[in-house]
N, C-alpha and C. Protein backbone atom coordinates (compact mmCIF):
# COMPACT_ATOMS: atom_id res chain seq x y z
N MET A 1 14.20 29.72 27.97
CA MET A 1 13.80 31.11 27.92
C MET A 1 12.41 31.20 27.30
N ASN A 2 11.62 32.02 27.93
CA ASN A 2 10.29 32.23 27.36
C ASN A 2 10.30 33.48 26.48
N ALA A 3 9.18 33.79 25.91
CA ALA A 3 9.10 34.90 24.95
C ALA A 3 9.36 36.24 25.63
N LYS A 4 8.97 36.36 26.90
CA LYS A 4 9.19 37.62 27.62
C LYS A 4 10.68 37.90 27.81
N ASP A 5 11.45 36.86 28.17
CA ASP A 5 12.90 37.02 28.34
C ASP A 5 13.59 37.34 27.01
N ILE A 6 13.15 36.70 25.96
CA ILE A 6 13.76 36.94 24.65
C ILE A 6 13.48 38.37 24.19
N ASN A 7 12.27 38.86 24.40
CA ASN A 7 11.95 40.24 24.03
C ASN A 7 12.79 41.23 24.82
N PHE A 8 12.97 40.95 26.12
CA PHE A 8 13.81 41.83 26.95
C PHE A 8 15.25 41.85 26.43
N ALA A 9 15.78 40.69 26.08
CA ALA A 9 17.16 40.62 25.57
C ALA A 9 17.28 41.39 24.25
N TYR A 10 16.31 41.31 23.39
CA TYR A 10 16.35 42.06 22.12
C TYR A 10 16.29 43.56 22.37
N ARG A 11 15.47 43.99 23.34
CA ARG A 11 15.39 45.43 23.63
C ARG A 11 16.69 45.96 24.22
N VAL A 12 17.33 45.16 25.09
CA VAL A 12 18.62 45.59 25.65
C VAL A 12 19.67 45.67 24.56
N ARG A 13 19.71 44.68 23.69
CA ARG A 13 20.68 44.70 22.58
C ARG A 13 20.46 45.90 21.68
N HIS A 14 19.19 46.18 21.38
CA HIS A 14 18.88 47.32 20.51
C HIS A 14 19.29 48.64 21.18
N ALA A 15 19.03 48.76 22.48
CA ALA A 15 19.40 50.00 23.20
C ALA A 15 20.91 50.16 23.24
N LEU A 16 21.64 49.06 23.46
CA LEU A 16 23.10 49.15 23.50
C LEU A 16 23.67 49.49 22.12
N THR A 17 23.08 48.93 21.08
CA THR A 17 23.57 49.21 19.73
C THR A 17 23.35 50.67 19.36
N GLU A 18 22.21 51.25 19.76
CA GLU A 18 21.93 52.65 19.43
C GLU A 18 22.86 53.61 20.17
N ASN A 19 23.18 53.29 21.41
CA ASN A 19 23.99 54.19 22.24
C ASN A 19 25.44 53.75 22.34
N LEU A 20 25.92 52.97 21.39
CA LEU A 20 27.29 52.48 21.44
C LEU A 20 28.32 53.60 21.40
N ASP A 21 28.03 54.62 20.63
CA ASP A 21 28.99 55.74 20.52
C ASP A 21 29.02 56.60 21.77
N HIS A 22 27.99 56.60 22.60
CA HIS A 22 27.89 57.46 23.78
C HIS A 22 28.32 56.76 25.06
N LEU A 23 28.67 55.47 25.01
CA LEU A 23 29.06 54.74 26.22
C LEU A 23 30.50 55.04 26.58
N PRO A 24 30.80 55.10 27.90
CA PRO A 24 32.20 55.31 28.32
C PRO A 24 33.04 54.07 28.03
N SER A 25 34.33 54.25 27.94
CA SER A 25 35.25 53.16 27.60
C SER A 25 35.26 52.07 28.66
N GLU A 26 35.06 52.41 29.95
CA GLU A 26 35.01 51.39 31.01
C GLU A 26 33.82 50.46 30.80
N THR A 27 32.69 51.02 30.37
CA THR A 27 31.51 50.21 30.14
C THR A 27 31.73 49.30 28.94
N LEU A 28 32.37 49.83 27.90
CA LEU A 28 32.66 49.01 26.72
C LEU A 28 33.60 47.87 27.08
N THR A 29 34.58 48.13 27.90
CA THR A 29 35.52 47.09 28.34
C THR A 29 34.79 46.04 29.16
N GLY A 30 33.93 46.48 30.08
CA GLY A 30 33.15 45.54 30.90
C GLY A 30 32.24 44.67 30.04
N LEU A 31 31.61 45.31 29.02
CA LEU A 31 30.74 44.54 28.13
C LEU A 31 31.54 43.53 27.31
N ALA A 32 32.74 43.92 26.89
CA ALA A 32 33.59 42.99 26.13
C ALA A 32 33.99 41.81 26.99
N LYS A 33 34.33 42.05 28.27
CA LYS A 33 34.68 40.95 29.18
C LYS A 33 33.48 40.04 29.42
N ALA A 34 32.30 40.64 29.62
CA ALA A 34 31.10 39.85 29.86
C ALA A 34 30.76 38.99 28.64
N ARG A 35 30.97 39.58 27.47
CA ARG A 35 30.70 38.82 26.24
C ARG A 35 31.66 37.64 26.10
N SER A 36 32.93 37.87 26.33
CA SER A 36 33.91 36.78 26.21
C SER A 36 33.65 35.70 27.26
N MET A 37 33.26 36.12 28.47
CA MET A 37 32.95 35.14 29.51
C MET A 37 31.69 34.34 29.12
N ALA A 38 30.70 35.00 28.58
CA ALA A 38 29.48 34.30 28.17
C ALA A 38 29.78 33.32 27.03
N LEU A 39 30.63 33.72 26.08
CA LEU A 39 30.99 32.82 24.99
C LEU A 39 31.81 31.63 25.48
N SER A 40 32.61 31.83 26.53
CA SER A 40 33.38 30.71 27.05
C SER A 40 32.50 29.68 27.75
N HIS A 41 31.37 30.13 28.29
CA HIS A 41 30.44 29.21 28.96
C HIS A 41 29.43 28.58 28.01
N LYS A 42 29.46 29.00 26.78
CA LYS A 42 28.51 28.48 25.80
C LYS A 42 28.79 27.00 25.53
N LYS A 43 27.76 26.24 25.41
CA LYS A 43 27.92 24.82 25.12
C LYS A 43 28.45 24.64 23.71
N LYS A 44 29.20 23.58 23.54
CA LYS A 44 29.69 23.26 22.20
C LYS A 44 28.53 22.84 21.33
N ASP A 45 28.64 23.14 20.05
CA ASP A 45 27.59 22.75 19.12
C ASP A 45 27.63 21.23 18.93
N ALA A 46 26.51 20.63 19.16
CA ALA A 46 26.39 19.19 18.97
C ALA A 46 25.84 18.93 17.58
N PRO A 47 26.31 17.85 16.95
CA PRO A 47 25.76 17.55 15.63
C PRO A 47 24.27 17.20 15.76
N VAL A 48 23.52 17.67 14.82
CA VAL A 48 22.09 17.44 14.83
C VAL A 48 21.80 16.21 13.97
N ARG A 49 21.03 15.31 14.53
CA ARG A 49 20.65 14.10 13.79
C ARG A 49 19.21 14.24 13.35
N VAL A 50 19.01 14.00 12.09
CA VAL A 50 17.68 14.13 11.52
C VAL A 50 17.33 12.82 10.84
N ALA A 51 16.15 12.32 11.13
CA ALA A 51 15.68 11.10 10.46
C ALA A 51 15.06 11.49 9.12
N VAL A 52 15.58 10.89 8.07
CA VAL A 52 15.07 11.16 6.73
C VAL A 52 14.27 9.94 6.29
N VAL A 53 13.03 10.17 5.95
CA VAL A 53 12.16 9.09 5.52
C VAL A 53 12.20 9.02 4.00
N GLN A 54 12.55 7.86 3.50
CA GLN A 54 12.59 7.67 2.05
C GLN A 54 11.40 6.81 1.66
N ARG A 55 10.63 7.31 0.73
CA ARG A 55 9.45 6.57 0.31
C ARG A 55 9.88 5.37 -0.54
N ALA A 56 9.21 4.27 -0.31
CA ALA A 56 9.50 3.05 -1.08
C ALA A 56 8.26 2.69 -1.88
N PHE A 57 8.42 2.50 -3.15
CA PHE A 57 7.32 2.14 -4.02
C PHE A 57 7.44 0.68 -4.42
N ALA A 58 6.41 0.17 -5.01
CA ALA A 58 6.41 -1.24 -5.41
C ALA A 58 7.46 -1.52 -6.47
N GLY A 59 7.86 -0.52 -7.24
CA GLY A 59 8.84 -0.72 -8.30
C GLY A 59 10.27 -0.71 -7.81
N SER A 60 10.50 -0.38 -6.52
CA SER A 60 11.87 -0.35 -6.03
C SER A 60 12.18 -1.65 -5.31
N VAL A 61 13.37 -2.14 -5.52
CA VAL A 61 13.78 -3.41 -4.93
C VAL A 61 14.12 -3.23 -3.46
N GLY A 62 14.84 -2.19 -3.12
CA GLY A 62 15.23 -1.96 -1.75
C GLY A 62 15.56 -0.50 -1.52
N VAL A 63 15.83 -0.18 -0.27
CA VAL A 63 16.12 1.21 0.08
C VAL A 63 17.50 1.62 -0.44
N PHE A 64 18.45 0.70 -0.45
CA PHE A 64 19.82 1.06 -0.80
C PHE A 64 20.12 0.94 -2.29
N ILE A 65 19.22 0.35 -3.03
CA ILE A 65 19.45 0.17 -4.46
C ILE A 65 18.71 1.27 -5.20
N GLN A 66 19.42 2.10 -5.93
CA GLN A 66 18.81 3.22 -6.62
C GLN A 66 18.78 3.02 -8.14
N GLU A 67 19.13 1.85 -8.61
CA GLU A 67 19.18 1.60 -10.04
C GLU A 67 17.79 1.23 -10.55
N PRO A 68 17.49 1.51 -11.81
CA PRO A 68 16.21 1.07 -12.37
C PRO A 68 16.18 -0.46 -12.49
N LEU A 69 14.98 -0.99 -12.43
CA LEU A 69 14.84 -2.44 -12.45
C LEU A 69 15.02 -3.00 -13.86
N SER A 70 15.64 -4.15 -13.95
CA SER A 70 15.80 -4.81 -15.24
C SER A 70 14.49 -5.50 -15.61
N TRP A 71 14.41 -6.01 -16.83
CA TRP A 71 13.18 -6.67 -17.27
C TRP A 71 12.94 -7.94 -16.47
N LEU A 72 14.01 -8.59 -16.02
CA LEU A 72 13.87 -9.81 -15.24
C LEU A 72 13.27 -9.50 -13.86
N ALA A 73 13.72 -8.40 -13.25
CA ALA A 73 13.17 -8.01 -11.95
C ALA A 73 11.71 -7.59 -12.08
N ARG A 74 11.37 -6.89 -13.17
CA ARG A 74 9.98 -6.50 -13.37
C ARG A 74 9.09 -7.72 -13.57
N THR A 75 9.61 -8.71 -14.30
CA THR A 75 8.86 -9.95 -14.48
C THR A 75 8.67 -10.65 -13.15
N GLY A 76 9.69 -10.63 -12.32
CA GLY A 76 9.59 -11.24 -11.00
C GLY A 76 8.57 -10.55 -10.11
N LEU A 77 8.39 -9.25 -10.31
CA LEU A 77 7.39 -8.54 -9.54
C LEU A 77 5.97 -8.81 -10.06
N MET A 78 5.84 -9.05 -11.36
CA MET A 78 4.53 -9.29 -11.95
C MET A 78 4.10 -10.76 -11.84
N LEU A 79 5.04 -11.66 -11.62
CA LEU A 79 4.74 -13.09 -11.58
C LEU A 79 3.67 -13.46 -10.54
N PRO A 80 3.72 -12.95 -9.30
CA PRO A 80 2.65 -13.30 -8.35
C PRO A 80 1.27 -12.85 -8.81
N ALA A 81 1.17 -11.68 -9.43
CA ALA A 81 -0.13 -11.20 -9.90
C ALA A 81 -0.65 -12.09 -11.03
N ILE A 82 0.23 -12.50 -11.92
CA ILE A 82 -0.18 -13.37 -13.03
C ILE A 82 -0.63 -14.72 -12.49
N LEU A 83 0.12 -15.27 -11.53
CA LEU A 83 -0.26 -16.55 -10.94
C LEU A 83 -1.60 -16.46 -10.20
N LEU A 84 -1.87 -15.34 -9.57
CA LEU A 84 -3.14 -15.15 -8.88
C LEU A 84 -4.30 -15.15 -9.87
N VAL A 85 -4.15 -14.45 -10.98
CA VAL A 85 -5.21 -14.42 -11.99
C VAL A 85 -5.43 -15.80 -12.58
N ILE A 86 -4.36 -16.52 -12.87
CA ILE A 86 -4.49 -17.88 -13.42
C ILE A 86 -5.16 -18.80 -12.41
N GLY A 87 -4.78 -18.67 -11.13
CA GLY A 87 -5.39 -19.50 -10.08
C GLY A 87 -6.87 -19.23 -9.92
N LEU A 88 -7.27 -17.95 -9.94
CA LEU A 88 -8.69 -17.62 -9.83
C LEU A 88 -9.48 -18.11 -11.03
N ALA A 89 -8.90 -18.00 -12.22
CA ALA A 89 -9.58 -18.51 -13.41
C ALA A 89 -9.72 -20.03 -13.32
N GLY A 90 -8.72 -20.71 -12.82
CA GLY A 90 -8.79 -22.16 -12.66
C GLY A 90 -9.86 -22.57 -11.65
N LEU A 91 -9.97 -21.84 -10.55
CA LEU A 91 -11.01 -22.13 -9.57
C LEU A 91 -12.41 -21.92 -10.16
N TYR A 92 -12.57 -20.87 -10.94
CA TYR A 92 -13.86 -20.62 -11.57
C TYR A 92 -14.22 -21.74 -12.55
N GLN A 93 -13.25 -22.17 -13.35
CA GLN A 93 -13.49 -23.25 -14.30
C GLN A 93 -13.84 -24.54 -13.58
N HIS A 94 -13.15 -24.83 -12.48
CA HIS A 94 -13.42 -26.05 -11.72
C HIS A 94 -14.83 -26.02 -11.13
N ALA A 95 -15.25 -24.87 -10.58
CA ALA A 95 -16.59 -24.76 -10.00
C ALA A 95 -17.65 -24.90 -11.08
N ALA A 96 -17.42 -24.29 -12.24
CA ALA A 96 -18.38 -24.40 -13.34
C ALA A 96 -18.48 -25.84 -13.82
N GLN A 97 -17.34 -26.53 -13.94
CA GLN A 97 -17.33 -27.93 -14.38
C GLN A 97 -18.04 -28.82 -13.37
N GLN A 98 -17.85 -28.56 -12.08
CA GLN A 98 -18.51 -29.35 -11.04
C GLN A 98 -20.02 -29.15 -11.09
N HIS A 99 -20.46 -27.92 -11.36
CA HIS A 99 -21.89 -27.64 -11.48
C HIS A 99 -22.49 -28.39 -12.68
N ILE A 100 -21.76 -28.41 -13.78
CA ILE A 100 -22.22 -29.14 -14.97
C ILE A 100 -22.32 -30.63 -14.69
N ILE A 101 -21.36 -31.18 -13.99
CA ILE A 101 -21.37 -32.61 -13.64
C ILE A 101 -22.57 -32.93 -12.75
N ASP A 102 -22.85 -32.07 -11.77
CA ASP A 102 -24.00 -32.30 -10.88
C ASP A 102 -25.31 -32.29 -11.66
N LEU A 103 -25.44 -31.32 -12.57
CA LEU A 103 -26.66 -31.26 -13.39
C LEU A 103 -26.78 -32.48 -14.30
N ALA A 104 -25.67 -32.94 -14.83
CA ALA A 104 -25.69 -34.12 -15.70
C ALA A 104 -26.10 -35.36 -14.91
N ASP A 105 -25.64 -35.47 -13.66
CA ASP A 105 -26.03 -36.61 -12.84
C ASP A 105 -27.54 -36.61 -12.57
N ILE A 106 -28.08 -35.42 -12.30
CA ILE A 106 -29.52 -35.33 -12.05
C ILE A 106 -30.30 -35.68 -13.32
N ASP A 107 -29.87 -35.13 -14.45
CA ASP A 107 -30.54 -35.44 -15.72
C ASP A 107 -30.46 -36.92 -16.04
N ALA A 108 -29.33 -37.52 -15.82
CA ALA A 108 -29.17 -38.95 -16.11
C ALA A 108 -30.06 -39.77 -15.21
N ALA A 109 -30.19 -39.38 -13.95
CA ALA A 109 -31.05 -40.13 -13.02
C ALA A 109 -32.51 -39.99 -13.41
N VAL A 110 -32.89 -38.79 -13.86
CA VAL A 110 -34.28 -38.57 -14.27
C VAL A 110 -34.59 -39.36 -15.54
N LEU A 111 -33.68 -39.33 -16.50
CA LEU A 111 -33.92 -39.99 -17.77
C LEU A 111 -33.83 -41.51 -17.68
N SER A 112 -33.05 -42.01 -16.78
CA SER A 112 -32.89 -43.47 -16.67
C SER A 112 -33.92 -44.08 -15.72
N ASP A 113 -34.79 -43.27 -15.17
CA ASP A 113 -35.85 -43.72 -14.27
C ASP A 113 -35.30 -44.44 -13.04
N GLU A 114 -34.18 -44.01 -12.56
CA GLU A 114 -33.64 -44.57 -11.33
C GLU A 114 -34.27 -43.92 -10.11
N LEU A 115 -35.04 -42.87 -10.34
CA LEU A 115 -35.69 -42.19 -9.22
C LEU A 115 -37.03 -42.86 -8.93
N PRO A 116 -37.40 -42.93 -7.68
CA PRO A 116 -38.72 -43.48 -7.37
C PRO A 116 -39.80 -42.48 -7.81
N LEU A 117 -40.99 -42.97 -7.99
CA LEU A 117 -42.10 -42.12 -8.45
C LEU A 117 -42.43 -41.03 -7.44
N THR A 118 -42.19 -41.30 -6.20
CA THR A 118 -42.50 -40.30 -5.18
C THR A 118 -41.61 -39.08 -5.30
N ALA A 119 -40.43 -39.22 -5.92
CA ALA A 119 -39.53 -38.08 -6.09
C ALA A 119 -40.14 -37.04 -7.01
N TYR A 120 -40.93 -37.51 -7.99
CA TYR A 120 -41.57 -36.56 -8.90
C TYR A 120 -42.70 -35.81 -8.22
N LEU A 121 -43.28 -36.40 -7.18
CA LEU A 121 -44.37 -35.76 -6.46
C LEU A 121 -43.89 -34.82 -5.37
N ASP A 122 -42.63 -34.94 -5.01
CA ASP A 122 -42.06 -34.13 -3.92
C ASP A 122 -41.85 -32.69 -4.43
N HIS A 123 -42.42 -31.73 -3.72
CA HIS A 123 -42.30 -30.32 -4.13
C HIS A 123 -40.86 -29.81 -3.96
N GLY A 124 -40.17 -30.33 -2.96
CA GLY A 124 -38.78 -29.93 -2.76
C GLY A 124 -37.89 -30.38 -3.90
N PHE A 125 -38.17 -31.59 -4.44
CA PHE A 125 -37.38 -32.09 -5.57
C PHE A 125 -37.65 -31.26 -6.82
N ASN A 126 -38.90 -30.89 -7.03
CA ASN A 126 -39.23 -30.03 -8.17
C ASN A 126 -38.55 -28.66 -8.03
N ALA A 127 -38.54 -28.14 -6.83
CA ALA A 127 -37.85 -26.87 -6.61
C ALA A 127 -36.37 -27.01 -6.84
N PHE A 128 -35.81 -28.16 -6.43
CA PHE A 128 -34.37 -28.39 -6.67
C PHE A 128 -34.06 -28.48 -8.15
N LEU A 129 -34.94 -29.16 -8.91
CA LEU A 129 -34.74 -29.25 -10.35
C LEU A 129 -34.86 -27.89 -11.02
N ALA A 130 -35.79 -27.08 -10.56
CA ALA A 130 -35.97 -25.73 -11.13
C ALA A 130 -34.77 -24.85 -10.81
N GLN A 131 -34.22 -25.02 -9.61
CA GLN A 131 -33.05 -24.22 -9.23
C GLN A 131 -31.79 -24.71 -9.95
N ALA A 132 -31.68 -25.98 -10.24
CA ALA A 132 -30.50 -26.54 -10.88
C ALA A 132 -30.42 -26.07 -12.34
N ASP A 133 -31.55 -25.81 -12.96
CA ASP A 133 -31.53 -25.35 -14.35
C ASP A 133 -31.19 -23.90 -14.35
């Protein structure tokens, strides 16, 4: 039904309600029969299914568990973040230590005179030494 049909049905209902006392008994009987026939043809009410979305946060273990988390579960949730921070700190320390070892090797080679004299004249080597410091 579109809006035009619905408006027409409301106007007919309103007109019938206003003039209910002035209608003949045959018309009232006919309307009662039409109403009962219309109600008999009405479809049965079907159950309505509605999807309910439940928000899940990082602090919840699952959709079906509504209990607060214990300290052990909270620790289990924080453990990956702690391991990530420790791993990143370890990588930084390893890179810094490797840089120190490389600089020490260059310094040892310079001080022990294992480098040829031409290395001191090379502009690229001087630039490398300046960048290494």
